[in-house]
Protein backbone atom coordinates (compact mmCIF):
# COMPACT_ATOMS: atom_id res chain seq x y z
CA MET A 1 109.99 106.86 98.72
CA ASN A 2 109.19 103.30 97.63
CA GLN A 3 112.88 102.38 97.92
CA ILE A 4 112.95 103.74 101.47
CA LEU A 5 109.86 101.74 102.41
CA ASP A 6 111.28 98.57 100.79
CA ALA A 7 114.46 98.94 102.84
CA ILE A 8 112.48 99.36 106.05
CA LEU A 9 110.27 96.36 105.34
CA ALA A 10 113.19 94.12 104.35
CA SER A 11 114.55 91.98 107.17
CA ASP A 12 118.19 92.15 106.09
CA SER A 13 118.77 95.87 105.42
CA THR A 14 122.00 97.21 106.95
CA PRO A 15 122.98 100.72 108.06
CA GLN A 16 125.02 100.92 104.88
CA ASP A 17 121.92 100.12 102.82
CA PHE A 18 120.03 102.99 104.46
CA ALA A 19 122.96 105.38 104.09
CA ALA A 20 123.08 104.59 100.36
CA LEU A 21 119.40 105.39 99.78
CA SER A 22 118.59 108.52 97.82
CA ILE A 23 116.55 111.10 99.70
CA PRO A 24 113.58 112.22 97.58
CA GLU A 25 113.11 115.86 96.72
CA SER A 26 109.63 115.95 98.28
CA TYR A 27 107.30 114.01 100.54
CA ARG A 28 103.67 114.02 101.65
CA ALA A 29 102.83 115.92 104.81
CA VAL A 30 99.88 117.27 106.78
CA THR A 31 99.91 121.07 106.71
CA VAL A 32 98.02 124.20 107.61
CA HIS A 33 98.32 127.29 105.38
CA LYS A 34 99.26 130.77 106.49
CA SER A 35 96.77 132.21 104.02
CA GLU A 36 93.90 130.47 105.82
CA THR A 37 94.48 131.56 109.42
CA GLU A 38 91.26 133.61 109.44
CA MET A 39 89.07 130.92 107.91
CA PHE A 40 87.25 130.26 111.21
CA ALA A 41 86.92 133.88 112.29
CA GLY A 42 83.71 134.47 114.23
CA LEU A 43 83.00 130.80 114.89
CA ALA A 44 82.80 129.23 118.33
CA THR A 45 85.63 126.84 119.14
CA LYS A 46 83.47 123.73 118.81
CA GLU A 47 82.28 124.83 115.37
CA LYS A 48 85.81 125.01 113.94
CA ASP A 49 86.44 121.95 111.78
CA PRO A 50 90.01 120.59 111.36
CA ARG A 51 88.88 118.71 108.26
CA LYS A 52 88.65 122.06 106.47
CA SER A 53 92.03 123.45 107.52
CA LEU A 54 94.32 120.41 107.37
CA HIS A 55 95.83 119.57 103.97
CA VAL A 56 97.86 116.58 102.79
CA GLU A 57 100.29 117.75 100.13
CA GLU A 58 103.77 117.33 98.66
CA VAL A 59 106.40 119.52 100.32
CA PRO A 60 110.16 119.85 99.74
CA VAL A 61 112.56 117.92 101.95
CA PRO A 62 114.22 120.45 104.29
CA GLU A 63 117.96 121.01 104.47
CA LEU A 64 119.65 118.84 107.11
CA GLY A 65 121.66 120.85 109.64
CA PRO A 66 124.22 120.05 112.35
CA GLY A 67 122.89 117.92 115.18
CA GLU A 68 119.79 116.96 113.22
CA ALA A 69 118.33 113.84 111.63
CA LEU A 70 115.92 113.06 108.82
CA VAL A 71 113.56 110.25 109.83
CA ALA A 72 111.31 108.16 107.60
CA VAL A 73 108.02 108.29 109.49
CA MET A 74 106.15 105.01 109.66
CA ALA A 75 103.44 106.29 112.00
CA SER A 76 102.47 109.33 114.04
CA SER A 77 99.57 110.46 116.20
CA VAL A 78 97.20 113.35 116.84
CA ASN A 79 97.69 115.36 120.03
CA TYR A 80 95.64 118.27 121.24
CA ASN A 81 98.31 120.68 120.03
CA SER A 82 97.52 119.43 116.51
CA VAL A 83 93.90 120.35 117.14
CA TRP A 84 94.90 123.82 118.35
CA THR A 85 97.06 124.30 115.27
CA SER A 86 94.26 123.19 112.97
CA ILE A 87 91.71 125.65 114.41
CA PHE A 88 94.26 128.46 114.88
CA GLU A 89 93.65 128.69 118.63
CA PRO A 90 94.59 130.29 120.92
CA MET A 91 96.64 131.87 118.12
CA SER A 92 98.06 130.95 114.75
CA THR A 93 101.24 128.87 114.99
CA PHE A 94 102.79 130.89 112.16
CA GLY A 95 103.79 133.46 114.76
CA PHE A 96 105.94 130.76 116.40
CA LEU A 97 107.55 129.93 113.08
CA GLU A 98 108.25 133.57 112.28
CA ARG A 99 109.92 134.17 115.64
CA TYR A 100 111.97 130.98 115.35
CA GLY A 101 113.01 131.93 111.83
CA ARG A 102 114.53 135.17 113.08
CA THR A 103 116.90 133.43 115.51
CA SER A 104 119.42 132.10 112.96
CA PRO A 105 119.97 131.50 109.24
CA LEU A 106 119.41 127.76 109.81
CA ALA A 107 116.18 128.37 111.75
CA LYS A 108 114.91 130.47 108.83
CA ARG A 109 113.99 127.14 107.16
CA HIS A 110 111.03 126.88 109.54
CA ASP A 111 109.42 130.18 108.52
CA LEU A 112 107.29 129.01 105.61
CA PRO A 113 103.78 129.79 104.31
CA TYR A 114 102.79 126.26 105.38
CA HIS A 115 103.27 124.46 108.68
CA ILE A 116 103.94 120.70 108.74
CA ILE A 117 102.41 119.62 112.02
CA GLY A 118 102.66 116.66 114.39
CA SER A 119 104.60 116.09 117.62
CA ASP A 120 104.99 112.28 117.60
CA LEU A 121 106.61 109.73 115.34
CA SER A 122 107.95 106.23 115.08
CA GLY A 123 110.23 105.47 112.17
CA VAL A 124 113.72 104.90 110.85
CA VAL A 125 116.69 107.26 110.71
CA LEU A 126 117.65 108.08 107.10
CA ARG A 127 120.36 110.72 107.48
CA THR A 128 122.19 112.45 110.30
CA GLY A 129 123.88 115.84 110.18
CA PRO A 130 127.37 116.83 111.35
CA GLY A 131 127.99 116.20 115.03
CA VAL A 132 125.52 113.32 115.42
CA ASN A 133 127.26 110.27 116.86
CA ALA A 134 124.61 108.43 118.89
CA TRP A 135 122.35 107.56 115.94
CA LYS A 136 122.93 106.11 112.48
CA PRO A 137 120.86 105.39 109.35
CA GLY A 138 118.64 102.37 109.88
CA ASP A 139 118.04 102.92 113.60
CA GLU A 140 114.42 102.35 114.58
CA VAL A 141 113.35 105.26 116.74
CA VAL A 142 110.61 107.30 118.29
CA ALA A 143 110.91 111.04 118.84
CA HIS A 144 109.94 113.20 121.78
CA CYS A 145 108.85 116.72 120.95
CA LEU A 146 111.23 118.94 122.94
CA SER A 147 113.32 121.17 120.67
CA VAL A 148 116.05 123.13 122.48
CA GLU A 149 119.13 125.15 121.52
CA LEU A 150 120.93 125.03 124.92
CA GLU A 151 123.15 128.01 124.14
CA ARG A 152 122.31 129.70 127.44
CA ALA A 153 122.90 128.58 131.00
CA ASP A 154 119.20 128.56 131.95
CA GLY A 155 118.42 125.20 130.37
CA HIS A 156 121.33 123.17 131.65
CA ASP A 157 119.68 122.17 134.95
CA ASP A 158 116.41 121.37 133.24
CA THR A 159 116.23 121.68 129.46
CA MET A 160 112.57 122.69 129.69
CA LEU A 161 113.87 126.00 131.06
CA ASP A 162 115.94 126.77 127.95
CA PRO A 163 114.79 130.21 126.73
CA GLU A 164 114.71 128.74 123.20
CA GLN A 165 112.63 125.70 124.20
CA ARG A 166 109.96 124.82 121.64
CA ILE A 167 107.55 121.99 120.95
CA TRP A 168 108.50 120.32 117.69
CA GLY A 169 105.68 120.17 115.15
CA PHE A 170 103.78 122.88 117.02
CA GLU A 171 106.26 125.73 117.55
CA THR A 172 108.62 124.41 114.87
CA ASN A 173 108.05 123.14 111.35
CA PHE A 174 108.69 119.72 109.74
CA GLY A 175 106.63 117.73 112.26
CA GLY A 176 105.75 114.06 112.47
CA LEU A 177 102.43 113.92 110.58
CA ALA A 178 104.32 113.31 107.37
CA GLU A 179 106.35 110.72 105.48
CA ILE A 180 109.64 112.36 106.51
CA ALA A 181 110.39 114.48 109.56
CA LEU A 182 113.27 116.71 110.60
CA VAL A 183 114.26 116.40 114.26
CA LYS A 184 117.20 117.23 116.48
CA SER A 185 119.22 114.14 117.35
CA ASN A 186 118.54 114.70 121.07
CA GLN A 187 114.86 114.11 120.38
CA LEU A 188 115.47 110.51 119.36
CA MET A 189 114.85 107.47 121.56
CA PRO A 190 114.79 103.72 120.81
CA LYS A 191 111.51 102.30 119.53
CA ALA A 192 109.99 99.66 121.79
CA LYS A 193 110.71 96.36 120.05
CA HIS A 194 107.45 94.65 121.07
CA LEU A 195 105.19 97.33 119.62
CA THR A 196 103.93 98.00 116.11
CA TRP A 197 104.81 101.26 114.39
CA GLU A 198 101.45 102.81 115.24
CA GLU A 199 101.52 101.62 118.85
CA ALA A 200 105.03 102.98 119.35
CA ALA A 201 104.08 106.34 117.84
CA VAL A 202 101.28 107.28 120.23
CA PRO A 203 102.84 107.46 123.73
CA GLY A 204 105.60 110.03 123.11
CA LEU A 205 104.09 113.42 123.91
CA VAL A 206 101.41 112.38 126.38
CA ASN A 207 103.46 109.71 128.14
CA SER A 208 106.38 112.08 128.72
CA THR A 209 104.05 114.90 129.75
CA ALA A 210 102.27 112.69 132.30
CA TYR A 211 105.60 111.40 133.64
CA ARG A 212 106.96 114.87 134.36
CA GLN A 213 103.64 116.15 135.64
CA LEU A 214 103.03 113.31 138.06
CA VAL A 215 106.23 111.33 138.75
CA SER A 216 109.18 113.67 138.24
CA ARG A 217 110.61 115.88 140.99
CA ASN A 218 109.93 118.72 138.54
CA GLY A 219 106.23 117.90 138.86
CA ALA A 220 104.18 116.49 141.72
CA GLY A 221 106.78 113.93 142.87
CA MET A 222 104.13 111.27 143.43
CA LYS A 223 104.88 108.65 146.09
CA GLN A 224 103.39 105.35 147.18
CA GLY A 225 100.02 105.68 148.87
CA ASP A 226 99.18 109.09 147.39
CA ASN A 227 95.57 109.71 146.41
CA VAL A 228 95.69 111.20 142.90
CA LEU A 229 92.65 112.80 141.28
CA ILE A 230 92.96 112.35 137.51
CA TRP A 231 90.66 114.34 135.26
CA GLY A 232 89.90 112.66 131.93
CA ALA A 233 91.45 109.45 133.19
CA SER A 234 90.76 107.44 130.04
CA GLY A 235 91.93 110.14 127.63
CA GLY A 236 95.27 110.85 125.98
CA LEU A 237 97.02 112.32 129.04
CA GLY A 238 94.89 110.78 131.74
CA SER A 239 95.32 107.20 130.55
CA TYR A 240 99.07 107.46 131.12
CA ALA A 241 98.64 109.27 134.44
CA THR A 242 96.38 106.43 135.58
CA GLN A 243 99.00 103.86 134.62
CA PHE A 244 101.79 105.79 136.37
CA ALA A 245 99.70 106.07 139.54
CA LEU A 246 98.94 102.36 139.56
CA ALA A 247 102.51 101.34 138.71
CA GLY A 248 103.88 103.67 141.42
CA GLY A 249 101.73 102.39 144.24
CA ALA A 250 99.41 105.39 144.34
CA ASN A 251 95.61 105.37 144.37
CA PRO A 252 94.11 107.00 141.26
CA ILE A 253 90.66 108.54 141.55
CA CYS A 254 89.64 108.50 137.92
CA VAL A 255 87.20 111.12 136.66
CA VAL A 256 85.53 110.15 133.37
CA SER A 257 82.50 111.20 131.38
CA SER A 258 80.76 107.92 130.49
CA PRO A 259 80.30 104.31 131.66
CA GLN A 260 82.39 103.20 128.68
CA LYS A 261 85.32 105.33 129.84
CA ALA A 262 84.85 104.10 133.39
CA GLU A 263 85.18 100.54 132.12
CA ILE A 264 88.51 101.43 130.47
CA CYS A 265 89.82 102.66 133.82
CA ARG A 266 88.70 99.46 135.53
CA ALA A 267 90.48 97.46 132.85
CA MET A 268 93.69 99.37 133.67
CA GLY A 269 93.27 98.36 137.31
CA ALA A 270 91.65 101.44 138.85
CA THR A 271 88.84 100.96 141.35
CA ALA A 272 87.98 104.51 142.45
CA ILE A 273 86.02 106.03 139.57
CA ILE A 274 83.71 109.02 139.26
CA ASP A 275 81.45 109.42 136.22
CA ARG A 276 81.10 113.20 136.16
CA THR A 277 78.27 113.05 133.60
CA ALA A 278 76.22 110.70 135.74
CA GLU A 279 76.91 112.84 138.81
CA GLY A 280 75.89 115.97 136.91
CA TYR A 281 78.45 118.31 138.45
CA ARG A 282 77.90 121.97 137.55
CA PHE A 283 81.04 123.73 138.71
CA TRP A 284 79.93 126.95 136.97
CA GLU A 285 76.52 128.51 137.59
CA ASP A 286 77.01 130.70 134.54
CA GLU A 287 79.87 132.14 132.50
CA HIS A 288 81.12 134.31 135.37
CA HIS A 289 80.24 132.52 138.62
CA GLN A 290 81.40 129.20 140.01
CA ASN A 291 79.40 127.02 142.38
CA PRO A 292 81.34 126.11 145.57
CA ARG A 293 78.54 123.76 146.62
CA GLU A 294 79.49 121.55 143.69
CA TRP A 295 83.15 121.63 144.75
CA LYS A 296 82.07 120.36 148.15
CA ARG A 297 79.94 117.63 146.59
CA LEU A 298 82.92 116.47 144.54
CA GLY A 299 85.07 116.43 147.69
CA LYS A 300 82.47 114.34 149.52
CA ASP A 301 82.30 111.86 146.61
CA ILE A 302 86.10 111.56 146.61
CA ARG A 303 86.22 110.84 150.36
CA GLU A 304 83.61 108.11 149.94
CA LEU A 305 86.05 106.40 147.54
CA THR A 306 89.20 106.90 149.63
CA GLY A 307 87.99 105.98 153.08
CA GLY A 308 87.60 109.58 154.17
CA GLU A 309 90.85 110.99 152.74
CA ASP A 310 91.26 114.03 150.50
CA VAL A 311 93.51 113.88 147.45
CA ASP A 312 97.25 114.52 147.74
CA ILE A 313 97.65 115.41 144.05
CA VAL A 314 95.32 116.68 141.35
CA PHE A 315 96.39 115.88 137.78
CA GLU A 316 94.93 118.94 136.05
CA HIS A 317 94.58 119.52 132.32
CA PRO A 318 90.95 120.53 131.57
CA GLY A 319 91.73 123.99 132.97
CA ARG A 320 89.05 126.63 133.36
CA GLU A 321 86.08 124.29 133.78
CA THR A 322 87.58 122.26 136.63
CA PHE A 323 90.38 124.31 138.19
CA GLY A 324 88.39 125.91 141.00
CA ALA A 325 87.14 122.47 142.05
CA SER A 326 90.67 121.04 141.82
CA VAL A 327 92.10 123.63 144.19
CA TYR A 328 89.26 123.11 146.66
CA VAL A 329 89.36 119.29 146.87
CA THR A 330 93.14 118.99 147.33
CA ARG A 331 94.18 118.16 150.90
CA LYS A 332 96.01 120.62 153.12
CA GLY A 333 99.60 120.82 151.87
CA GLY A 334 98.68 119.02 148.66
CA THR A 335 99.60 119.75 145.05
CA ILE A 336 97.68 120.76 141.95
CA VAL A 337 99.89 120.14 138.91
CA THR A 338 98.58 121.64 135.70
CA CYS A 339 99.15 121.66 131.97
CA ALA A 340 97.16 122.10 128.75
CA SER A 341 93.82 123.72 129.76
CA THR A 342 91.66 122.20 127.03
CA SER A 343 88.48 123.86 128.38
CA GLY A 344 90.02 127.33 128.63
CA PHE A 345 93.26 129.00 129.65
CA LYS A 346 91.91 131.59 132.12
CA HIS A 347 91.64 129.73 135.42
CA GLU A 348 89.71 130.99 138.43
CA TYR A 349 89.86 129.66 141.98
CA ASP A 350 89.25 130.85 145.52
CA ASN A 351 92.70 131.68 146.85
CA ARG A 352 91.63 131.18 150.48
CA TYR A 353 91.64 127.44 149.86
CA LEU A 354 95.17 127.67 148.48
CA TRP A 355 97.05 129.99 150.82
CA MET A 356 95.34 129.10 154.10
CA SER A 357 95.75 125.37 153.43
CA LEU A 358 99.36 125.65 152.19
CA LYS A 359 98.60 124.02 148.86
CA ARG A 360 100.86 124.31 145.82
CA ILE A 361 100.09 124.89 142.15
CA ILE A 362 102.82 123.60 139.83
CA GLY A 363 102.92 124.42 136.14
CA SER A 364 104.17 121.52 134.03
CA HIS A 365 104.96 121.55 130.32
CA PHE A 366 106.01 118.46 128.37
CA ALA A 367 109.29 116.95 129.70
CA ASN A 368 113.05 117.19 129.37
CA TYR A 369 115.11 114.59 127.51
CA ARG A 370 115.89 112.60 130.65
CA GLU A 371 112.23 112.47 131.71
CA SER A 372 111.17 111.53 128.19
CA TRP A 373 113.85 108.82 128.07
CA GLU A 374 112.70 107.35 131.40
CA ALA A 375 109.06 107.42 130.30
CA ASN A 376 109.99 105.71 127.02
CA ARG A 377 112.09 103.13 128.90
CA LEU A 378 109.00 102.11 130.85
CA ILE A 379 107.16 101.65 127.56
CA ALA A 380 110.03 99.55 126.15
CA LYS A 381 110.05 97.33 129.27
CA GLY A 382 106.30 96.74 129.12
CA LYS A 383 105.65 98.53 132.42
CA ILE A 384 103.49 101.23 130.79
CA HIS A 385 101.43 100.46 127.69
CA PRO A 386 100.24 102.44 124.67
CA THR A 387 96.62 103.50 124.76
CA LEU A 388 95.94 103.30 121.02
CA SER A 389 92.24 102.99 120.25
CA LYS A 390 92.04 103.70 116.53
CA THR A 391 94.37 104.26 113.58
CA TYR A 392 93.83 106.53 110.57
CA ARG A 393 95.67 106.93 107.28
CA LEU A 394 97.66 110.10 106.61
CA ASP A 395 94.89 111.25 104.25
CA GLU A 396 92.42 110.94 107.14
CA THR A 397 94.31 113.15 109.59
CA GLY A 398 91.65 115.86 109.33
CA GLN A 399 89.04 113.38 110.53
CA ALA A 400 91.35 112.16 113.29
CA ALA A 401 91.87 115.73 114.53
CA TYR A 402 88.12 116.37 114.32
CA ASP A 403 87.43 113.30 116.48
CA VAL A 404 89.96 114.44 119.09
CA HIS A 405 88.55 117.98 118.99
CA ARG A 406 85.05 116.68 119.64
CA ASN A 407 86.23 114.14 122.24
CA LEU A 408 84.90 111.25 120.16
CA HIS A 409 87.97 109.11 120.86
CA GLN A 410 89.38 107.00 123.68
CA GLY A 411 93.03 107.14 124.70
CA LYS A 412 95.15 108.07 121.69
CA VAL A 413 94.58 107.86 117.94
CA GLY A 414 97.39 106.87 115.61
CA VAL A 415 98.10 107.87 112.01
CA LEU A 416 99.88 105.64 109.49
CA ALA A 417 102.41 107.56 107.39
CA LEU A 418 104.72 105.26 105.38
CA ALA A 419 103.51 102.07 107.06
CA PRO A 420 101.21 100.43 104.51
CA GLU A 421 99.02 98.76 107.13
CA GLU A 422 98.60 98.25 110.85
CA GLY A 423 100.44 95.53 112.75
CA MET A 424 103.92 95.98 111.28
CA GLY A 425 107.25 96.66 112.98
CA VAL A 426 107.19 94.14 115.86
CA ARG A 427 110.67 92.75 116.65
CA ASP A 428 110.14 91.10 120.07
CA HIS A 429 107.12 88.80 119.74
CA GLU A 430 107.73 87.07 123.08
CA LEU A 431 107.50 90.28 125.10
CA ARG A 432 104.49 91.33 123.05
CA ALA A 433 102.66 88.09 123.83
CA THR A 434 103.22 88.72 127.55
CA HIS A 435 101.45 92.09 127.39
CA ILE A 436 99.06 91.66 124.47
CA ASP A 437 95.89 92.20 126.51
CA ALA A 438 97.20 95.48 127.95
CA ILE A 439 98.45 96.61 124.53
CA ASN A 440 94.98 96.03 123.04
CA ARG A 441 93.04 97.34 126.04
CA PHE A 442 91.81 100.52 124.39
CA ARG A 443 91.12 98.79 121.07
CA ASN A 444 88.80 96.32 122.74
CA VAL A 445 86.38 98.93 124.11
């Protein structure tokens, strides 16, 4: 592993040098254990502690198959799916691995008593399997997390519709919170040259998800002038949605939970901001009954910020807590586009406000390769910026996941894997200097 790192850090390493490197028999990775899936039984969600379930241990390097690549991971990040995996909610991910393992002899590699997690990476290609022509050892890359087989017709219009579509590092093994990762070659994209390893690692999942959800024709199809309500606008998903709205000529109405998070949104360029904690919204009277009066109050507050207009699009991801309000405040003919559901998966809303006002609910899940590529291209051009606020070491991933679980973070948190320290991996210093304030925006809060 030291030889691999030396080659990456050297300025004159060639593709031939990387191809000649020996692949170690094992590497360090962040795992959960199948034997521990019941360790939090009986506890409330907030009481489940990722620091107890996430392990950093040596694991064998997996066999490299056709159309795949082994990547030396310099940095990764924690997404909410890593939190779900770590607390075994809404179910253990070992069921995903077992089902995947039954699909083919090669997929059987993924069905193990441990799950290497993580759905982001930045790093360097070490090896490619048969049939890989677009990438070679030594290429500096990031990976998006869509894993597809594309053996059926369903996925060839939109790869997200492939019946064998999975999220790498969540529904597959050998994820990015590790020193080496196994990915399909059609997950790879060029690393932005003006970013460090840790900065380049954090946008992948959330940036692509926000792009499809908000910009793509498969999502809300946002246009110039749209009013877009963005829940959690300074968080992992919301911070990219806010940037896409601003870059696309829309008007984001940013919902946050503190003055500090409101200030982040202002720094991104947003002016219409609602601090939901200060406003004290109570969308639920109790566990079973929502409060329509609070929906109306939210709608009134939105119109005060938009000059009397309702929102064209709601960027939904909290789920159960906010969904009834989201449906209500959307304008007639507007769109609620939803993913994730971090506050609960069982949504409730008053259907009268949907059907009688001709509104649409669109389900959105990650992004296809084209959407991910376009979202990454905007990162590489400095049009959209990483929202990295803090970086942890691989040994501290449990704490990183705990902080995300308890919403103690801003934007995204990064994790150093092979990278020995922050600040490494920049190739285009001129472009970086142009955007340095935006790159550091979330660090400076």
